[in-house]
Full PDB file with SEQRES, HELIX, SHEET, SSBOND, CRYST1, ORIGX, SCALE, CONECT and MASTER records, all heavy atoms in Angstrom:
SEQRES   1 A   30  ASN GLN TYR SER ILE PRO GLU ILE ASN HIS ARG LEU LYS          
SEQRES   2 A   30  ASN TYR MET LYS PHE LEU PHE VAL ARG GLU PRO PHE GLU          
SEQRES   3 A   30  ARG LEU VAL SER                                              
HELIX    1 AA1 ILE A    5  ASN A   14  1                                  10    
HELIX    2 AA2 PRO A   24  VAL A   29  1                                   6    
CRYST1    1.000    1.000    1.000  90.00  90.00  90.00 P 1           1          
ORIGX1      1.000000  0.000000  0.000000        0.00000                         
ORIGX2      0.000000  1.000000  0.000000        0.00000                         
ORIGX3      0.000000  0.000000  1.000000        0.00000                         
SCALE1      1.000000  0.000000  0.000000        0.00000                         
SCALE2      0.000000  1.000000  0.000000        0.00000                         
SCALE3      0.000000  0.000000  1.000000        0.00000                         
ATOM      1  N   ASN A   1     110.479 111.566 106.289  1.00  0.00           N  
ATOM      2  CA  ASN A   1     111.243 112.817 106.544  1.00  0.00           C  
ATOM      3  C   ASN A   1     110.266 113.931 107.040  1.00  0.00           C  
ATOM      4  O   ASN A   1     110.704 114.970 107.458  1.00  0.00           O  
ATOM      5  CB  ASN A   1     112.024 113.272 105.330  1.00  0.00           C  
ATOM      6  CG  ASN A   1     111.167 113.517 104.111  1.00  0.00           C  
ATOM      7  OD1 ASN A   1     110.110 112.922 104.008  1.00  0.00           O  
ATOM      8  ND2 ASN A   1     111.655 114.320 103.226  1.00  0.00           N  
ATOM      9  N   GLN A   2     108.951 113.685 106.937  1.00  0.00           N  
ATOM     10  CA  GLN A   2     107.991 114.725 107.358  1.00  0.00           C  
ATOM     11  C   GLN A   2     107.625 114.643 108.832  1.00  0.00           C  
ATOM     12  O   GLN A   2     106.776 115.363 109.335  1.00  0.00           O  
ATOM     13  CB  GLN A   2     106.692 114.575 106.477  1.00  0.00           C  
ATOM     14  CG  GLN A   2     106.920 114.881 105.025  1.00  0.00           C  
ATOM     15  CD  GLN A   2     105.767 114.467 104.143  1.00  0.00           C  
ATOM     16  OE1 GLN A   2     104.706 114.071 104.611  1.00  0.00           O  
ATOM     17  NE2 GLN A   2     105.952 114.478 102.851  1.00  0.00           N  
ATOM     18  N   TYR A   3     108.268 113.732 109.572  1.00  0.00           N  
ATOM     19  CA  TYR A   3     107.943 113.519 110.993  1.00  0.00           C  
ATOM     20  C   TYR A   3     109.027 114.111 111.896  1.00  0.00           C  
ATOM     21  O   TYR A   3     110.117 114.400 111.384  1.00  0.00           O  
ATOM     22  CB  TYR A   3     107.819 112.008 111.275  1.00  0.00           C  
ATOM     23  CG  TYR A   3     106.620 111.352 110.653  1.00  0.00           C  
ATOM     24  CD1 TYR A   3     106.693 110.868 109.372  1.00  0.00           C  
ATOM     25  CD2 TYR A   3     105.445 111.154 111.324  1.00  0.00           C  
ATOM     26  CE1 TYR A   3     105.610 110.244 108.735  1.00  0.00           C  
ATOM     27  CE2 TYR A   3     104.346 110.497 110.803  1.00  0.00           C  
ATOM     28  CZ  TYR A   3     104.409 110.051 109.477  1.00  0.00           C  
ATOM     29  OH  TYR A   3     103.342 109.452 108.882  1.00  0.00           O  
ATOM     30  N   SER A   4     108.722 114.267 113.116  1.00  0.00           N  
ATOM     31  CA  SER A   4     109.691 114.667 114.097  1.00  0.00           C  
ATOM     32  C   SER A   4     110.674 113.536 114.373  1.00  0.00           C  
ATOM     33  O   SER A   4     110.343 112.427 114.158  1.00  0.00           O  
ATOM     34  CB  SER A   4     109.052 115.140 115.396  1.00  0.00           C  
ATOM     35  OG  SER A   4     108.535 114.010 116.024  1.00  0.00           O  
ATOM     36  N   ILE A   5     111.828 113.860 114.955  1.00  0.00           N  
ATOM     37  CA  ILE A   5     112.821 112.834 115.221  1.00  0.00           C  
ATOM     38  C   ILE A   5     112.251 111.716 116.111  1.00  0.00           C  
ATOM     39  O   ILE A   5     112.370 110.519 115.813  1.00  0.00           O  
ATOM     40  CB  ILE A   5     114.126 113.386 115.844  1.00  0.00           C  
ATOM     41  CG1 ILE A   5     114.736 114.474 114.940  1.00  0.00           C  
ATOM     42  CG2 ILE A   5     115.140 112.302 116.141  1.00  0.00           C  
ATOM     43  CD1 ILE A   5     115.369 113.977 113.592  1.00  0.00           C  
ATOM     44  N   PRO A   6     111.600 112.037 117.246  1.00  0.00           N  
ATOM     45  CA  PRO A   6     111.049 110.957 118.056  1.00  0.00           C  
ATOM     46  C   PRO A   6     110.058 110.098 117.253  1.00  0.00           C  
ATOM     47  O   PRO A   6     109.980 108.887 117.379  1.00  0.00           O  
ATOM     48  CB  PRO A   6     110.350 111.662 119.190  1.00  0.00           C  
ATOM     49  CG  PRO A   6     110.946 113.044 119.268  1.00  0.00           C  
ATOM     50  CD  PRO A   6     111.374 113.343 117.868  1.00  0.00           C  
ATOM     51  N   GLU A   7     109.211 110.773 116.426  1.00  0.00           N  
ATOM     52  CA  GLU A   7     108.222 110.032 115.640  1.00  0.00           C  
ATOM     53  C   GLU A   7     108.879 109.102 114.626  1.00  0.00           C  
ATOM     54  O   GLU A   7     108.462 108.023 114.289  1.00  0.00           O  
ATOM     55  CB  GLU A   7     107.314 111.022 114.894  1.00  0.00           C  
ATOM     56  CG  GLU A   7     106.345 111.750 115.777  1.00  0.00           C  
ATOM     57  CD  GLU A   7     105.552 112.819 115.041  1.00  0.00           C  
ATOM     58  OE1 GLU A   7     106.134 113.464 114.062  1.00  0.00           O  
ATOM     59  OE2 GLU A   7     104.388 113.121 115.381  1.00  0.00           O  
ATOM     60  N   ILE A   8     109.982 109.620 113.996  1.00  0.00           N  
ATOM     61  CA  ILE A   8     110.703 108.842 113.078  1.00  0.00           C  
ATOM     62  C   ILE A   8     111.251 107.579 113.727  1.00  0.00           C  
ATOM     63  O   ILE A   8     111.064 106.467 113.240  1.00  0.00           O  
ATOM     64  CB  ILE A   8     111.895 109.642 112.448  1.00  0.00           C  
ATOM     65  CG1 ILE A   8     111.353 110.727 111.505  1.00  0.00           C  
ATOM     66  CG2 ILE A   8     112.889 108.758 111.712  1.00  0.00           C  
ATOM     67  CD1 ILE A   8     112.465 111.729 110.996  1.00  0.00           C  
ATOM     68  N   ASN A   9     111.900 107.787 114.876  1.00  0.00           N  
ATOM     69  CA  ASN A   9     112.502 106.649 115.621  1.00  0.00           C  
ATOM     70  C   ASN A   9     111.433 105.617 116.014  1.00  0.00           C  
ATOM     71  O   ASN A   9     111.637 104.440 115.922  1.00  0.00           O  
ATOM     72  CB  ASN A   9     113.296 107.151 116.821  1.00  0.00           C  
ATOM     73  CG  ASN A   9     114.527 107.859 116.405  1.00  0.00           C  
ATOM     74  OD1 ASN A   9     115.079 107.521 115.383  1.00  0.00           O  
ATOM     75  ND2 ASN A   9     115.015 108.816 117.180  1.00  0.00           N  
ATOM     76  N   HIS A  10     110.313 106.119 116.490  1.00  0.00           N  
ATOM     77  CA  HIS A  10     109.185 105.239 116.887  1.00  0.00           C  
ATOM     78  C   HIS A  10     108.794 104.320 115.688  1.00  0.00           C  
ATOM     79  O   HIS A  10     108.611 103.143 115.819  1.00  0.00           O  
ATOM     80  CB  HIS A  10     108.018 106.000 117.378  1.00  0.00           C  
ATOM     81  CG  HIS A  10     106.785 105.150 117.539  1.00  0.00           C  
ATOM     82  ND1 HIS A  10     106.649 104.318 118.649  1.00  0.00           N  
ATOM     83  CD2 HIS A  10     105.679 105.009 116.751  1.00  0.00           C  
ATOM     84  CE1 HIS A  10     105.437 103.672 118.477  1.00  0.00           C  
ATOM     85  NE2 HIS A  10     104.878 104.060 117.371  1.00  0.00           N  
ATOM     86  N   ARG A  11     108.626 104.968 114.508  1.00  0.00           N  
ATOM     87  CA  ARG A  11     108.137 104.239 113.339  1.00  0.00           C  
ATOM     88  C   ARG A  11     109.199 103.213 112.828  1.00  0.00           C  
ATOM     89  O   ARG A  11     108.881 102.116 112.446  1.00  0.00           O  
ATOM     90  CB  ARG A  11     107.702 105.236 112.256  1.00  0.00           C  
ATOM     91  CG  ARG A  11     106.273 105.770 112.555  1.00  0.00           C  
ATOM     92  CD  ARG A  11     105.988 107.051 111.857  1.00  0.00           C  
ATOM     93  NE  ARG A  11     104.677 107.610 112.291  1.00  0.00           N  
ATOM     94  CZ  ARG A  11     104.456 108.127 113.529  1.00  0.00           C  
ATOM     95  NH1 ARG A  11     105.442 108.218 114.340  1.00  0.00           N  
ATOM     96  NH2 ARG A  11     103.249 108.509 113.816  1.00  0.00           N  
ATOM     97  N   LEU A  12     110.462 103.715 112.844  1.00  0.00           N  
ATOM     98  CA  LEU A  12     111.558 102.800 112.368  1.00  0.00           C  
ATOM     99  C   LEU A  12     111.637 101.619 113.260  1.00  0.00           C  
ATOM    100  O   LEU A  12     111.971 100.482 112.795  1.00  0.00           O  
ATOM    101  CB  LEU A  12     112.871 103.535 112.341  1.00  0.00           C  
ATOM    102  CG  LEU A  12     113.067 104.454 111.141  1.00  0.00           C  
ATOM    103  CD1 LEU A  12     114.409 105.179 111.237  1.00  0.00           C  
ATOM    104  CD2 LEU A  12     113.031 103.690 109.833  1.00  0.00           C  
ATOM    105  N   LYS A  13     111.329 101.775 114.554  1.00  0.00           N  
ATOM    106  CA  LYS A  13     111.429 100.673 115.443  1.00  0.00           C  
ATOM    107  C   LYS A  13     110.231  99.701 115.387  1.00  0.00           C  
ATOM    108  O   LYS A  13     110.383  98.510 115.556  1.00  0.00           O  
ATOM    109  CB  LYS A  13     111.538 101.263 116.860  1.00  0.00           C  
ATOM    110  CG  LYS A  13     111.998 100.252 117.918  1.00  0.00           C  
ATOM    111  CD  LYS A  13     112.356 100.958 119.210  1.00  0.00           C  
ATOM    112  CE  LYS A  13     112.290  99.887 120.370  1.00  0.00           C  
ATOM    113  NZ  LYS A  13     111.628 100.384 121.596  1.00  0.00           N  
ATOM    114  N   ASN A  14     109.042 100.282 115.199  1.00  0.00           N  
ATOM    115  CA  ASN A  14     107.852  99.486 115.337  1.00  0.00           C  
ATOM    116  C   ASN A  14     107.031  99.081 114.066  1.00  0.00           C  
ATOM    117  O   ASN A  14     106.349  98.149 114.086  1.00  0.00           O  
ATOM    118  CB  ASN A  14     106.881 100.166 116.286  1.00  0.00           C  
ATOM    119  CG  ASN A  14     107.426 100.394 117.658  1.00  0.00           C  
ATOM    120  OD1 ASN A  14     107.679  99.437 118.373  1.00  0.00           O  
ATOM    121  ND2 ASN A  14     107.781 101.656 118.028  1.00  0.00           N  
ATOM    122  N   TYR A  15     107.314  99.785 112.994  1.00  0.00           N  
ATOM    123  CA  TYR A  15     106.564  99.498 111.777  1.00  0.00           C  
ATOM    124  C   TYR A  15     107.251  98.367 110.946  1.00  0.00           C  
ATOM    125  O   TYR A  15     108.482  98.176 111.073  1.00  0.00           O  
ATOM    126  CB  TYR A  15     106.415 100.711 110.932  1.00  0.00           C  
ATOM    127  CG  TYR A  15     105.358 101.731 111.376  1.00  0.00           C  
ATOM    128  CD1 TYR A  15     104.944 101.704 112.737  1.00  0.00           C  
ATOM    129  CD2 TYR A  15     104.900 102.748 110.557  1.00  0.00           C  
ATOM    130  CE1 TYR A  15     103.969 102.634 113.206  1.00  0.00           C  
ATOM    131  CE2 TYR A  15     103.927 103.640 111.008  1.00  0.00           C  
ATOM    132  CZ  TYR A  15     103.515 103.591 112.272  1.00  0.00           C  
ATOM    133  OH  TYR A  15     102.598 104.537 112.748  1.00  0.00           O  
ATOM    134  N   MET A  16     106.462  97.737 110.083  1.00  0.00           N  
ATOM    135  CA  MET A  16     107.051  96.689 109.153  1.00  0.00           C  
ATOM    136  C   MET A  16     107.662  97.443 108.020  1.00  0.00           C  
ATOM    137  O   MET A  16     106.972  98.259 107.341  1.00  0.00           O  
ATOM    138  CB  MET A  16     105.936  95.752 108.729  1.00  0.00           C  
ATOM    139  CG  MET A  16     106.386  94.759 107.711  1.00  0.00           C  
ATOM    140  SD  MET A  16     105.117  93.531 107.358  1.00  0.00           S  
ATOM    141  CE  MET A  16     104.377  94.253 105.937  1.00  0.00           C  
ATOM    142  N   LYS A  17     108.949  97.167 107.799  1.00  0.00           N  
ATOM    143  CA  LYS A  17     109.695  97.951 106.780  1.00  0.00           C  
ATOM    144  C   LYS A  17     110.068  97.062 105.610  1.00  0.00           C  
ATOM    145  O   LYS A  17     110.564  95.926 105.856  1.00  0.00           O  
ATOM    146  CB  LYS A  17     110.945  98.622 107.369  1.00  0.00           C  
ATOM    147  CG  LYS A  17     110.615  99.628 108.512  1.00  0.00           C  
ATOM    148  CD  LYS A  17     111.841 100.032 109.223  1.00  0.00           C  
ATOM    149  CE  LYS A  17     112.550  98.996 110.043  1.00  0.00           C  
ATOM    150  NZ  LYS A  17     111.667  98.409 111.093  1.00  0.00           N  
ATOM    151  N   PHE A  18     109.870  97.499 104.390  1.00  0.00           N  
ATOM    152  CA  PHE A  18     110.211  96.673 103.221  1.00  0.00           C  
ATOM    153  C   PHE A  18     110.701  97.483 102.027  1.00  0.00           C  
ATOM    154  O   PHE A  18     110.417  98.717 101.991  1.00  0.00           O  
ATOM    155  CB  PHE A  18     109.024  95.781 102.840  1.00  0.00           C  
ATOM    156  CG  PHE A  18     107.872  96.557 102.266  1.00  0.00           C  
ATOM    157  CD1 PHE A  18     107.697  96.612 100.844  1.00  0.00           C  
ATOM    158  CD2 PHE A  18     106.855  97.074 103.077  1.00  0.00           C  
ATOM    159  CE1 PHE A  18     106.548  97.278 100.309  1.00  0.00           C  
ATOM    160  CE2 PHE A  18     105.790  97.785 102.580  1.00  0.00           C  
ATOM    161  CZ  PHE A  18     105.631  97.896 101.167  1.00  0.00           C  
ATOM    162  N   LEU A  19     111.387  96.873 101.134  1.00  0.00           N  
ATOM    163  CA  LEU A  19     111.841  97.511  99.902  1.00  0.00           C  
ATOM    164  C   LEU A  19     111.908  96.460  98.801  1.00  0.00           C  
ATOM    165  O   LEU A  19     111.834  95.236  99.111  1.00  0.00           O  
ATOM    166  CB  LEU A  19     113.254  98.191 100.100  1.00  0.00           C  
ATOM    167  CG  LEU A  19     114.447  97.305 100.075  1.00  0.00           C  
ATOM    168  CD1 LEU A  19     115.679  98.263  99.862  1.00  0.00           C  
ATOM    169  CD2 LEU A  19     114.650  96.585 101.364  1.00  0.00           C  
ATOM    170  N   PHE A  20     112.017  96.913  97.599  1.00  0.00           N  
ATOM    171  CA  PHE A  20     112.143  95.999  96.472  1.00  0.00           C  
ATOM    172  C   PHE A  20     113.396  96.306  95.666  1.00  0.00           C  
ATOM    173  O   PHE A  20     113.715  97.526  95.489  1.00  0.00           O  
ATOM    174  CB  PHE A  20     110.878  96.117  95.507  1.00  0.00           C  
ATOM    175  CG  PHE A  20     109.877  95.212  95.949  1.00  0.00           C  
ATOM    176  CD1 PHE A  20     108.971  95.559  97.020  1.00  0.00           C  
ATOM    177  CD2 PHE A  20     109.588  93.956  95.338  1.00  0.00           C  
ATOM    178  CE1 PHE A  20     107.984  94.703  97.472  1.00  0.00           C  
ATOM    179  CE2 PHE A  20     108.638  93.105  95.794  1.00  0.00           C  
ATOM    180  CZ  PHE A  20     107.805  93.462  96.859  1.00  0.00           C  
ATOM    181  N   VAL A  21     114.135  95.265  95.279  1.00  0.00           N  
ATOM    182  CA  VAL A  21     115.421  95.448  94.609  1.00  0.00           C  
ATOM    183  C   VAL A  21     115.337  94.698  93.272  1.00  0.00           C  
ATOM    184  O   VAL A  21     114.465  93.944  92.997  1.00  0.00           O  
ATOM    185  CB  VAL A  21     116.589  94.911  95.459  1.00  0.00           C  
ATOM    186  CG1 VAL A  21     116.632  95.691  96.781  1.00  0.00           C  
ATOM    187  CG2 VAL A  21     116.472  93.406  95.718  1.00  0.00           C  
ATOM    188  N   ARG A  22     116.314  94.978  92.417  1.00  0.00           N  
ATOM    189  CA  ARG A  22     116.371  94.437  91.082  1.00  0.00           C  
ATOM    190  C   ARG A  22     117.835  94.261  90.652  1.00  0.00           C  
ATOM    191  O   ARG A  22     118.705  94.983  91.217  1.00  0.00           O  
ATOM    192  CB  ARG A  22     115.671  95.429  90.122  1.00  0.00           C  
ATOM    193  CG  ARG A  22     115.603  94.947  88.645  1.00  0.00           C  
ATOM    194  CD  ARG A  22     114.864  96.054  87.852  1.00  0.00           C  
ATOM    195  NE  ARG A  22     114.617  95.573  86.453  1.00  0.00           N  
ATOM    196  CZ  ARG A  22     113.988  96.301  85.554  1.00  0.00           C  
ATOM    197  NH1 ARG A  22     113.468  97.477  85.915  1.00  0.00           N  
ATOM    198  NH2 ARG A  22     113.828  95.815  84.334  1.00  0.00           N  
ATOM    199  N   GLU A  23     118.130  93.384  89.769  1.00  0.00           N  
ATOM    200  CA  GLU A  23     119.479  93.213  89.292  1.00  0.00           C  
ATOM    201  C   GLU A  23     120.044  94.606  88.907  1.00  0.00           C  
ATOM    202  O   GLU A  23     119.399  95.270  88.098  1.00  0.00           O  
ATOM    203  CB  GLU A  23     119.520  92.253  88.110  1.00  0.00           C  
ATOM    204  CG  GLU A  23     120.791  91.544  87.844  1.00  0.00           C  
ATOM    205  CD  GLU A  23     121.834  92.444  87.108  1.00  0.00           C  
ATOM    206  OE1 GLU A  23     121.488  93.392  86.430  1.00  0.00           O  
ATOM    207  OE2 GLU A  23     123.032  92.096  87.220  1.00  0.00           O  
ATOM    208  N   PRO A  24     121.148  95.049  89.489  1.00  0.00           N  
ATOM    209  CA  PRO A  24     121.598  96.474  89.378  1.00  0.00           C  
ATOM    210  C   PRO A  24     121.765  96.908  87.933  1.00  0.00           C  
ATOM    211  O   PRO A  24     121.338  98.053  87.544  1.00  0.00           O  
ATOM    212  CB  PRO A  24     122.856  96.542  90.156  1.00  0.00           C  
ATOM    213  CG  PRO A  24     122.795  95.450  91.170  1.00  0.00           C  
ATOM    214  CD  PRO A  24     121.983  94.317  90.474  1.00  0.00           C  
ATOM    215  N   PHE A  25     122.380  96.091  87.041  1.00  0.00           N  
ATOM    216  CA  PHE A  25     122.586  96.594  85.693  1.00  0.00           C  
ATOM    217  C   PHE A  25     121.347  96.608  84.848  1.00  0.00           C  
ATOM    218  O   PHE A  25     121.179  97.390  83.912  1.00  0.00           O  
ATOM    219  CB  PHE A  25     123.785  95.854  85.064  1.00  0.00           C  
ATOM    220  CG  PHE A  25     125.086  96.249  85.587  1.00  0.00           C  
ATOM    221  CD1 PHE A  25     126.250  95.508  85.259  1.00  0.00           C  
ATOM    222  CD2 PHE A  25     125.222  97.397  86.383  1.00  0.00           C  
ATOM    223  CE1 PHE A  25     127.525  95.925  85.729  1.00  0.00           C  
ATOM    224  CE2 PHE A  25     126.468  97.720  86.868  1.00  0.00           C  
ATOM    225  CZ  PHE A  25     127.625  97.077  86.554  1.00  0.00           C  
ATOM    226  N   GLU A  26     120.405  95.648  85.147  1.00  0.00           N  
ATOM    227  CA  GLU A  26     119.160  95.636  84.478  1.00  0.00           C  
ATOM    228  C   GLU A  26     118.377  96.879  84.838  1.00  0.00           C  
ATOM    229  O   GLU A  26     117.720  97.510  83.983  1.00  0.00           O  
ATOM    230  CB  GLU A  26     118.428  94.327  84.840  1.00  0.00           C  
ATOM    231  CG  GLU A  26     117.272  93.976  83.900  1.00  0.00           C  
ATOM    232  CD  GLU A  26     116.589  92.703  84.321  1.00  0.00           C  
ATOM    233  OE1 GLU A  26     117.174  91.608  84.192  1.00  0.00           O  
ATOM    234  OE2 GLU A  26     115.433  92.796  84.840  1.00  0.00           O  
ATOM    235  N   ARG A  27     118.459  97.257  86.095  1.00  0.00           N  
ATOM    236  CA  ARG A  27     117.750  98.453  86.522  1.00  0.00           C  
ATOM    237  C   ARG A  27     118.372  99.662  85.868  1.00  0.00           C  
ATOM    238  O   ARG A  27     117.677 100.590  85.424  1.00  0.00           O  
ATOM    239  CB  ARG A  27     117.879  98.532  88.082  1.00  0.00           C  
ATOM    240  CG  ARG A  27     117.281  99.840  88.575  1.00  0.00           C  
ATOM    241  CD  ARG A  27     117.267  99.965  90.098  1.00  0.00           C  
ATOM    242  NE  ARG A  27     117.073 101.334  90.512  1.00  0.00           N  
ATOM    243  CZ  ARG A  27     117.964 102.077  91.200  1.00  0.00           C  
ATOM    244  NH1 ARG A  27     119.052 101.572  91.580  1.00  0.00           N  
ATOM    245  NH2 ARG A  27     117.638 103.341  91.464  1.00  0.00           N  
ATOM    246  N   LEU A  28     119.689  99.632  85.703  1.00  0.00           N  
ATOM    247  CA  LEU A  28     120.424 100.782  85.100  1.00  0.00           C  
ATOM    248  C   LEU A  28     120.016 100.958  83.606  1.00  0.00           C  
ATOM    249  O   LEU A  28     119.745 102.079  83.166  1.00  0.00           O  
ATOM    250  CB  LEU A  28     121.928 100.554  85.221  1.00  0.00           C  
ATOM    251  CG  LEU A  28     122.824 101.743  84.898  1.00  0.00           C  
ATOM    252  CD1 LEU A  28     122.588 102.884  85.848  1.00  0.00           C  
ATOM    253  CD2 LEU A  28     124.292 101.305  84.927  1.00  0.00           C  
ATOM    254  N   VAL A  29     119.986  99.850  82.857  1.00  0.00           N  
ATOM    255  CA  VAL A  29     119.587  99.912  81.460  1.00  0.00           C  
ATOM    256  C   VAL A  29     118.127 100.309  81.361  1.00  0.00           C  
ATOM    257  O   VAL A  29     117.765 101.089  80.466  1.00  0.00           O  
ATOM    258  CB  VAL A  29     119.830  98.510  80.811  1.00  0.00           C  
ATOM    259  CG1 VAL A  29     119.141  98.437  79.432  1.00  0.00           C  
ATOM    260  CG2 VAL A  29     121.342  98.222  80.678  1.00  0.00           C  
ATOM    261  N   SER A  30     117.307  99.860  82.261  1.00  0.00           N  
ATOM    262  CA  SER A  30     115.929 100.248  82.300  1.00  0.00           C  
ATOM    263  C   SER A  30     115.794 101.762  82.462  1.00  0.00           C  
ATOM    264  O   SER A  30     115.027 102.449  81.757  1.00  0.00           O  
ATOM    265  CB  SER A  30     115.214  99.520  83.389  1.00  0.00           C  
ATOM    266  OG  SER A  30     113.835  99.976  83.491  1.00  0.00           O  
TER     267      SER A  30                                                      
MASTER        0    0    0    2    0    0    0    6  266    1    0    3          
END                                                                             
């Protein structure tokens, strides 16, 4: 969110994007 719109779009298009997830209720209890 600290980049300009064109910079954001460039990065979303070209960079490797990843996230980590967890069983939703286990995450909630945690």
